[in-house]
PDB file of N, CA and C in Angstrom:
ATOM      1  N   MET A   1     134.834 204.780 126.053  1.00  0.00           N
ATOM      2  CA  MET A   1     136.268 204.681 125.787  1.00  0.00           C
ATOM      3  C   MET A   1     137.012 204.246 127.043  1.00  0.00           C
ATOM      4  N   GLY A   2     136.643 204.830 128.185  1.00  0.00           N
ATOM      5  CA  GLY A   2     137.323 204.481 129.421  1.00  0.00           C
ATOM      6  C   GLY A   2     137.149 203.019 129.787  1.00  0.00           C
ATOM      7  N   MET A   3     135.957 202.487 129.512  1.00  0.00           N
ATOM      8  CA  MET A   3     135.691 201.100 129.861  1.00  0.00           C
ATOM      9  C   MET A   3     136.535 200.142 129.028  1.00  0.00           C
ATOM     10  N   ILE A   4     136.960 200.570 127.839  1.00  0.00           N
ATOM     11  CA  ILE A   4     137.804 199.714 127.005  1.00  0.00           C
ATOM     12  C   ILE A   4     139.270 199.896 127.376  1.00  0.00           C
ATOM     13  N   LEU A   5     139.666 201.140 127.659  1.00  0.00           N
ATOM     14  CA  LEU A   5     141.077 201.411 127.877  1.00  0.00           C
ATOM     15  C   LEU A   5     141.585 200.839 129.190  1.00  0.00           C
ATOM     16  N   ILE A   6     140.755 200.852 130.242  1.00  0.00           N
ATOM     17  CA  ILE A   6     141.244 200.390 131.543  1.00  0.00           C
ATOM     18  C   ILE A   6     141.635 198.914 131.497  1.00  0.00           C
ATOM     19  N   PRO A   7     140.782 198.002 131.002  1.00  0.00           N
ATOM     20  CA  PRO A   7     141.221 196.604 130.909  1.00  0.00           C
ATOM     21  C   PRO A   7     142.423 196.429 129.983  1.00  0.00           C
ATOM     22  N   ALA A   8     142.479 197.218 128.924  1.00  0.00           N
ATOM     23  CA  ALA A   8     143.610 197.095 127.997  1.00  0.00           C
ATOM     24  C   ALA A   8     144.907 197.453 128.686  1.00  0.00           C
ATOM     25  N   PHE A   9     144.901 198.547 129.467  1.00  0.00           N
ATOM     26  CA  PHE A   9     146.133 198.938 130.148  1.00  0.00           C
ATOM     27  C   PHE A   9     146.492 197.958 131.251  1.00  0.00           C
ATOM     28  N   LEU A  10     145.493 197.412 131.952  1.00  0.00           N
ATOM     29  CA  LEU A  10     145.779 196.397 132.968  1.00  0.00           C
ATOM     30  C   LEU A  10     146.386 195.157 132.319  1.00  0.00           C
ATOM     31  N   PHE A  11     145.827 194.763 131.171  1.00  0.00           N
ATOM     32  CA  PHE A  11     146.342 193.608 130.442  1.00  0.00           C
ATOM     33  C   PHE A  11     147.777 193.846 129.991  1.00  0.00           C
ATOM     34  N   LEU A  12     148.039 195.062 129.471  1.00  0.00           N
ATOM     35  CA  LEU A  12     149.391 195.401 129.041  1.00  0.00           C
ATOM     36  C   LEU A  12     150.352 195.395 130.210  1.00  0.00           C
ATOM     37  N   ALA A  13     149.935 195.939 131.349  1.00  0.00           N
ATOM     38  CA  ALA A  13     150.811 195.967 132.522  1.00  0.00           C
ATOM     39  C   ALA A  13     151.157 194.554 132.961  1.00  0.00           C
ATOM     40  N   MET A  14     150.170 193.653 132.977  1.00  0.00           N
ATOM     41  CA  MET A  14     150.431 192.266 133.348  1.00  0.00           C
ATOM     42  C   MET A  14     151.376 191.611 132.353  1.00  0.00           C
ATOM     43  N   LEU A  15     151.147 191.858 131.065  1.00  0.00           N
ATOM     44  CA  LEU A  15     152.014 191.289 130.039  1.00  0.00           C
ATOM     45  C   LEU A  15     153.444 191.764 130.197  1.00  0.00           C
ATOM     46  N   ILE A  16     153.622 193.073 130.453  1.00  0.00           N
ATOM     47  CA  ILE A  16     154.969 193.628 130.574  1.00  0.00           C
ATOM     48  C   ILE A  16     155.678 193.017 131.770  1.00  0.00           C
ATOM     49  N   ILE A  17     154.962 192.836 132.888  1.00  0.00           N
ATOM     50  CA  ILE A  17     155.577 192.232 134.075  1.00  0.00           C
ATOM     51  C   ILE A  17     156.002 190.805 133.776  1.00  0.00           C
ATOM     52  N   VAL A  18     155.113 190.035 133.149  1.00  0.00           N
ATOM     53  CA  VAL A  18     155.429 188.635 132.823  1.00  0.00           C
ATOM     54  C   VAL A  18     156.626 188.566 131.884  1.00  0.00           C
ATOM     55  N   ILE A  19     156.644 189.431 130.866  1.00  0.00           N
ATOM     56  CA  ILE A  19     157.732 189.410 129.892  1.00  0.00           C
ATOM     57  C   ILE A  19     159.046 189.828 130.536  1.00  0.00           C
ATOM     58  N   CYS A  20     158.995 190.818 131.444  1.00  0.00           N
ATOM     59  CA  CYS A  20     160.228 191.212 132.142  1.00  0.00           C
ATOM     60  C   CYS A  20     160.787 190.051 132.953  1.00  0.00           C
ATOM     61  N   VAL A  21     159.899 189.303 133.617  1.00  0.00           N
ATOM     62  CA  VAL A  21     160.344 188.138 134.385  1.00  0.00           C
ATOM     63  C   VAL A  21     160.963 187.101 133.462  1.00  0.00           C
ATOM     64  N   LEU A  22     160.310 186.851 132.315  1.00  0.00           N
ATOM     65  CA  LEU A  22     160.839 185.866 131.368  1.00  0.00           C
ATOM     66  C   LEU A  22     162.186 186.299 130.811  1.00  0.00           C
ATOM     67  N   VAL A  23     162.314 187.593 130.499  1.00  0.00           N
ATOM     68  CA  VAL A  23     163.582 188.095 129.968  1.00  0.00           C
ATOM     69  C   VAL A  23     164.673 187.986 131.018  1.00  0.00           C
ATOM     70  N   PHE A  24     164.336 188.282 132.268  1.00  0.00           N
ATOM     71  CA  PHE A  24     165.320 188.182 133.349  1.00  0.00           C
ATOM     72  C   PHE A  24     165.793 186.746 133.512  1.00  0.00           C
ATOM     73  N   LYS A  25     164.858 185.776 133.444  1.00  0.00           N
ATOM     74  CA  LYS A  25     165.239 184.367 133.536  1.00  0.00           C
ATOM     75  C   LYS A  25     166.081 183.953 132.329  1.00  0.00           C
ATOM     76  N   ALA A  26     165.707 184.451 131.143  1.00  0.00           N
ATOM     77  CA  ALA A  26     166.430 184.078 129.929  1.00  0.00           C
ATOM     78  C   ALA A  26     167.826 184.686 129.928  1.00  0.00           C
ATOM     79  N   SER A  27     167.980 185.879 130.515  1.00  0.00           N
ATOM     80  CA  SER A  27     169.292 186.518 130.514  1.00  0.00           C
ATOM     81  C   SER A  27     170.243 185.798 131.467  1.00  0.00           C
ATOM     82  N   LYS A  28     169.699 185.082 132.462  1.00  0.00           N
ATOM     83  CA  LYS A  28     170.559 184.294 133.351  1.00  0.00           C
ATOM     84  C   LYS A  28     171.146 183.112 132.589  1.00  0.00           C
ATOM     85  N   GLU A  29     170.328 182.523 131.727  1.00  0.00           N
ATOM     86  CA  GLU A  29     170.845 181.458 130.861  1.00  0.00           C
ATOM     87  C   GLU A  29     171.450 182.146 129.639  1.00  0.00           C
ATOM     88  N   LYS A  30     172.756 181.985 129.475  1.00  0.00           N
ATOM     89  CA  LYS A  30     173.464 182.790 128.466  1.00  0.00           C
ATOM     90  C   LYS A  30     172.975 182.486 127.043  1.00  0.00           C
ATOM     91  N   SER A  31     172.494 181.267 126.807  1.00  0.00           N
ATOM     92  CA  SER A  31     172.161 180.878 125.433  1.00  0.00           C
ATOM     93  C   SER A  31     170.820 181.465 125.013  1.00  0.00           C
ATOM     94  N   GLY A  32     170.861 182.314 123.987  1.00  0.00           N
ATOM     95  CA  GLY A  32     169.626 182.815 123.396  1.00  0.00           C
ATOM     96  C   GLY A  32     168.901 183.863 124.210  1.00  0.00           C
ATOM     97  N   GLY A  33     169.532 184.424 125.233  1.00  0.00           N
ATOM     98  CA  GLY A  33     168.869 185.426 126.052  1.00  0.00           C
ATOM     99  C   GLY A  33     168.540 186.679 125.266  1.00  0.00           C
ATOM    100  N   LEU A  34     169.479 187.102 124.411  1.00  0.00           N
ATOM    101  CA  LEU A  34     169.259 188.321 123.623  1.00  0.00           C
ATOM    102  C   LEU A  34     168.133 188.123 122.625  1.00  0.00           C
ATOM    103  N   ILE A  35     168.066 186.939 122.016  1.00  0.00           N
ATOM    104  CA  ILE A  35     167.019 186.678 121.028  1.00  0.00           C
ATOM    105  C   ILE A  35     165.649 186.714 121.700  1.00  0.00           C
ATOM    106  N   VAL A  36     165.538 186.088 122.868  1.00  0.00           N
ATOM    107  CA  VAL A  36     164.262 186.047 123.580  1.00  0.00           C
ATOM    108  C   VAL A  36     163.838 187.452 123.991  1.00  0.00           C
ATOM    109  N   SER A  37     164.785 188.236 124.524  1.00  0.00           N
ATOM    110  CA  SER A  37     164.437 189.583 124.972  1.00  0.00           C
ATOM    111  C   SER A  37     164.045 190.463 123.785  1.00  0.00           C
ATOM    112  N   ALA A  38     164.702 190.290 122.640  1.00  0.00           N
ATOM    113  CA  ALA A  38     164.355 191.087 121.461  1.00  0.00           C
ATOM    114  C   ALA A  38     162.947 190.736 120.971  1.00  0.00           C
ATOM    115  N   ILE A  39     162.605 189.457 120.965  1.00  0.00           N
ATOM    116  CA  ILE A  39     161.269 189.041 120.528  1.00  0.00           C
ATOM    117  C   ILE A  39     160.212 189.576 121.487  1.00  0.00           C
ATOM    118  N   CYS A  40     160.477 189.476 122.802  1.00  0.00           N
ATOM    119  CA  CYS A  40     159.513 189.956 123.785  1.00  0.00           C
ATOM    120  C   CYS A  40     159.320 191.457 123.659  1.00  0.00           C
ATOM    121  N   LEU A  41     160.408 192.191 123.445  1.00  0.00           N
ATOM    122  CA  LEU A  41     160.321 193.643 123.300  1.00  0.00           C
ATOM    123  C   LEU A  41     159.483 194.000 122.073  1.00  0.00           C
ATOM    124  N   ALA A  42     159.690 193.271 120.967  1.00  0.00           N
ATOM    125  CA  ALA A  42     158.915 193.529 119.756  1.00  0.00           C
ATOM    126  C   ALA A  42     157.428 193.253 119.986  1.00  0.00           C
ATOM    127  N   VAL A  43     157.122 192.183 120.717  1.00  0.00           N
ATOM    128  CA  VAL A  43     155.720 191.839 120.992  1.00  0.00           C
ATOM    129  C   VAL A  43     155.072 192.923 121.851  1.00  0.00           C
ATOM    130  N   VAL A  44     155.789 193.380 122.892  1.00  0.00           N
ATOM    131  CA  VAL A  44     155.240 194.413 123.777  1.00  0.00           C
ATOM    132  C   VAL A  44     154.987 195.702 123.001  1.00  0.00           C
ATOM    133  N   CYS A  45     155.960 196.119 122.179  1.00  0.00           N
ATOM    134  CA  CYS A  45     155.785 197.346 121.391  1.00  0.00           C
ATOM    135  C   CYS A  45     154.603 197.206 120.431  1.00  0.00           C
ATOM    136  N   GLY A  46     154.464 196.054 119.806  1.00  0.00           N
ATOM    137  CA  GLY A  46     153.353 195.821 118.893  1.00  0.00           C
ATOM    138  C   GLY A  46     152.008 195.895 119.603  1.00  0.00           C
ATOM    139  N   LEU A  47     151.927 195.312 120.816  1.00  0.00           N
ATOM    140  CA  LEU A  47     150.671 195.356 121.564  1.00  0.00           C
ATOM    141  C   LEU A  47     150.333 196.771 122.000  1.00  0.00           C
ATOM    142  N   ILE A  48     151.345 197.534 122.428  1.00  0.00           N
ATOM    143  CA  ILE A  48     151.096 198.912 122.851  1.00  0.00           C
ATOM    144  C   ILE A  48     150.577 199.723 121.662  1.00  0.00           C
ATOM    145  N   LEU A  49     151.233 199.584 120.510  1.00  0.00           N
ATOM    146  CA  LEU A  49     150.771 200.300 119.318  1.00  0.00           C
ATOM    147  C   LEU A  49     149.365 199.866 118.934  1.00  0.00           C
ATOM    148  N   TRP A  50     149.075 198.557 119.050  1.00  0.00           N
ATOM    149  CA  TRP A  50     147.763 198.027 118.717  1.00  0.00           C
ATOM    150  C   TRP A  50     146.693 198.675 119.576  1.00  0.00           C
ATOM    151  N   TYR A  51     146.933 198.784 120.886  1.00  0.00           N
ATOM    152  CA  TYR A  51     145.930 199.347 121.782  1.00  0.00           C
ATOM    153  C   TYR A  51     145.829 200.863 121.646  1.00  0.00           C
ATOM    154  N   ILE A  52     146.881 201.518 121.147  1.00  0.00           N
ATOM    155  CA  ILE A  52     146.799 202.965 120.925  1.00  0.00           C
ATOM    156  C   ILE A  52     146.055 203.255 119.616  1.00  0.00           C
ATOM    157  N   ILE A  53     146.335 202.481 118.568  1.00  0.00           N
ATOM    158  CA  ILE A  53     145.798 202.770 117.235  1.00  0.00           C
ATOM    159  C   ILE A  53     144.386 202.203 117.059  1.00  0.00           C
ATOM    160  N   LEU A  54     144.114 201.040 117.634  1.00  0.00           N
ATOM    161  CA  LEU A  54     142.840 200.350 117.409  1.00  0.00           C
ATOM    162  C   LEU A  54     141.618 201.195 117.758  1.00  0.00           C
ATOM    163  N   PRO A  55     141.570 201.884 118.927  1.00  0.00           N
ATOM    164  CA  PRO A  55     140.359 202.678 119.217  1.00  0.00           C
ATOM    165  C   PRO A  55     140.075 203.754 118.171  1.00  0.00           C
ATOM    166  N   PHE A  56     141.126 204.316 117.560  1.00  0.00           N
ATOM    167  CA  PHE A  56     140.897 205.343 116.541  1.00  0.00           C
ATOM    168  C   PHE A  56     140.247 204.744 115.299  1.00  0.00           C
ATOM    169  N   TYR A  57     140.621 203.517 114.942  1.00  0.00           N
ATOM    170  CA  TYR A  57     140.006 202.874 113.783  1.00  0.00           C
ATOM    171  C   TYR A  57     138.558 202.498 114.063  1.00  0.00           C
ATOM    172  N   ILE A  58     138.269 202.059 115.283  1.00  0.00           N
ATOM    173  CA  ILE A  58     136.897 201.661 115.608  1.00  0.00           C
ATOM    174  C   ILE A  58     135.993 202.892 115.657  1.00  0.00           C
ATOM    175  N   GLY A  59     136.554 204.011 116.116  1.00  0.00           N
ATOM    176  CA  GLY A  59     135.767 205.229 116.125  1.00  0.00           C
ATOM    177  C   GLY A  59     135.527 205.795 117.506  1.00  0.00           C
ATOM    178  N   TYR A  60     136.213 205.242 118.510  1.00  0.00           N
ATOM    179  CA  TYR A  60     136.104 205.813 119.855  1.00  0.00           C
ATOM    180  C   TYR A  60     136.946 207.041 119.859  1.00  0.00           C
TER     181      TYR A  60
END
């Protein structure tokens, strides 16, 4: 379980950093900044839930 979770959390951390940078750049440009940040937030939440729920379905 640990061998699967560590790369998953590292991947999530990298994704969150990249998305925060993208949202920050998008918020500087007034057009569509809220839409981009909302989509990124939804993607991050979905990935976090995926990595929390998936190991239970596999059986770890």
